[in-house]
Amino acid sequence: MSTLFEKYGGFSTVSSIVRSFYKDLLAHEELSRYFQGIDMATLIDLLGEADSHGWAAIRRWAIAQCA
């Protein structure tokens, strides 16, 4: 039995959708300010790996972004 993640195309499909969402989000006049200075490409890659590698890498990345 496959997961929903796998059913809908896995990392490549989901990351494409997420990248499109963040492109629109970063272009939004009011919301983009909340994401200034965030490396969205790295975040998306880490989220894609979280399923197989756990959340430790995301935690380390988030802490580094806040420093």
C-alpha atoms as a PDB file:
ATOM      1  CA  MET A   1       0.000   0.000   0.000  1.00  0.00           C
ATOM      2  CA  SER A   2       1.434   3.379  -0.968  1.00  0.00           C
ATOM      3  CA  THR A   3       1.214   6.570   1.055  1.00  0.00           C
ATOM      4  CA  LEU A   4      -0.683   9.623  -0.166  1.00  0.00           C
ATOM      5  CA  PHE A   5       2.707  11.252  -0.729  1.00  0.00           C
ATOM      6  CA  GLU A   6       3.689   8.428  -3.095  1.00  0.00           C
ATOM      7  CA  LYS A   7       0.218   8.231  -4.656  1.00  0.00           C
ATOM      8  CA  TYR A   8       0.387  11.846  -5.803  1.00  0.00           C
ATOM      9  CA  GLY A   9       3.854  11.677  -7.304  1.00  0.00           C
ATOM     10  CA  GLY A  10       6.260  11.701  -4.400  1.00  0.00           C
ATOM     11  CA  PHE A  11       8.872  14.366  -3.798  1.00  0.00           C
ATOM     12  CA  SER A  12       9.156  15.662  -7.354  1.00  0.00           C
ATOM     13  CA  THR A  13       5.446  16.404  -7.724  1.00  0.00           C
ATOM     14  CA  VAL A  14       4.893  17.707  -4.214  1.00  0.00           C
ATOM     15  CA  SER A  15       8.009  19.902  -4.297  1.00  0.00           C
ATOM     16  CA  SER A  16       6.866  21.371  -7.630  1.00  0.00           C
ATOM     17  CA  ILE A  17       3.505  22.273  -6.091  1.00  0.00           C
ATOM     18  CA  VAL A  18       5.150  23.708  -2.980  1.00  0.00           C
ATOM     19  CA  ARG A  19       7.641  25.746  -5.051  1.00  0.00           C
ATOM     20  CA  SER A  20       4.739  27.193  -7.055  1.00  0.00           C
ATOM     21  CA  PHE A  21       2.875  28.027  -3.836  1.00  0.00           C
ATOM     22  CA  TYR A  22       5.896  29.790  -2.330  1.00  0.00           C
ATOM     23  CA  LYS A  23       6.555  31.683  -5.564  1.00  0.00           C
ATOM     24  CA  ASP A  24       3.024  33.096  -5.321  1.00  0.00           C
ATOM     25  CA  LEU A  25       3.404  33.670  -1.581  1.00  0.00           C
ATOM     26  CA  LEU A  26       6.662  35.583  -2.002  1.00  0.00           C
ATOM     27  CA  ALA A  27       5.044  37.744  -4.685  1.00  0.00           C
ATOM     28  CA  HIS A  28       2.120  38.606  -2.383  1.00  0.00           C
ATOM     29  CA  GLU A  29       2.278  42.216  -1.252  1.00  0.00           C
ATOM     30  CA  GLU A  30       1.239  41.612   2.362  1.00  0.00           C
ATOM     31  CA  LEU A  31       2.570  38.121   3.104  1.00  0.00           C
ATOM     32  CA  SER A  32       6.022  38.218   1.515  1.00  0.00           C
ATOM     33  CA  ARG A  33       7.536  40.220   4.382  1.00  0.00           C
ATOM     34  CA  TYR A  34       7.177  37.218   6.700  1.00  0.00           C
ATOM     35  CA  PHE A  35       9.497  35.176   4.493  1.00  0.00           C
ATOM     36  CA  GLN A  36      12.265  37.679   3.795  1.00  0.00           C
ATOM     37  CA  GLY A  37      15.685  36.097   4.139  1.00  0.00           C
ATOM     38  CA  ILE A  38      14.342  32.538   4.184  1.00  0.00           C
ATOM     39  CA  ASP A  39      16.045  30.130   1.790  1.00  0.00           C
ATOM     40  CA  MET A  40      12.861  28.537   0.498  1.00  0.00           C
ATOM     41  CA  ALA A  41      14.640  26.113  -1.872  1.00  0.00           C
ATOM     42  CA  THR A  42      16.571  24.592   1.031  1.00  0.00           C
ATOM     43  CA  LEU A  43      13.458  24.448   3.195  1.00  0.00           C
ATOM     44  CA  ILE A  44      11.523  22.630   0.474  1.00  0.00           C
ATOM     45  CA  ASP A  45      14.374  20.157  -0.031  1.00  0.00           C
ATOM     46  CA  LEU A  46      14.556  19.498   3.707  1.00  0.00           C
ATOM     47  CA  LEU A  47      10.802  18.965   3.907  1.00  0.00           C
ATOM     48  CA  GLY A  48      11.043  16.419   1.114  1.00  0.00           C
ATOM     49  CA  GLU A  49      13.745  14.532   2.986  1.00  0.00           C
ATOM     50  CA  ALA A  50      11.955  14.694   6.332  1.00  0.00           C
ATOM     51  CA  ASP A  51       9.783  11.704   5.509  1.00  0.00           C
ATOM     52  CA  SER A  52      12.783   9.412   5.149  1.00  0.00           C
ATOM     53  CA  HIS A  53      15.406  11.112   7.341  1.00  0.00           C
ATOM     54  CA  GLY A  54      13.382  12.495  10.232  1.00  0.00           C
ATOM     55  CA  TRP A  55      12.903  16.071  11.334  1.00  0.00           C
ATOM     56  CA  ALA A  56      16.358  16.712  12.836  1.00  0.00           C
ATOM     57  CA  ALA A  57      17.690  18.419   9.704  1.00  0.00           C
ATOM     58  CA  ILE A  58      14.695  20.753   9.589  1.00  0.00           C
ATOM     59  CA  ARG A  59      15.126  21.633  13.251  1.00  0.00           C
ATOM     60  CA  ARG A  60      18.819  22.443  12.720  1.00  0.00           C
ATOM     61  CA  TRP A  61      18.002  24.536   9.650  1.00  0.00           C
ATOM     62  CA  ALA A  62      15.208  26.443  11.445  1.00  0.00           C
ATOM     63  CA  ILE A  63      17.451  27.199  14.413  1.00  0.00           C
ATOM     64  CA  ALA A  64      20.179  28.472  12.080  1.00  0.00           C
ATOM     65  CA  GLN A  65      17.646  30.728  10.299  1.00  0.00           C
ATOM     66  CA  CYS A  66      16.641  32.302  13.608  1.00  0.00           C
ATOM     67  CA  ALA A  67      20.204  32.949  14.769  1.00  0.00           C
END
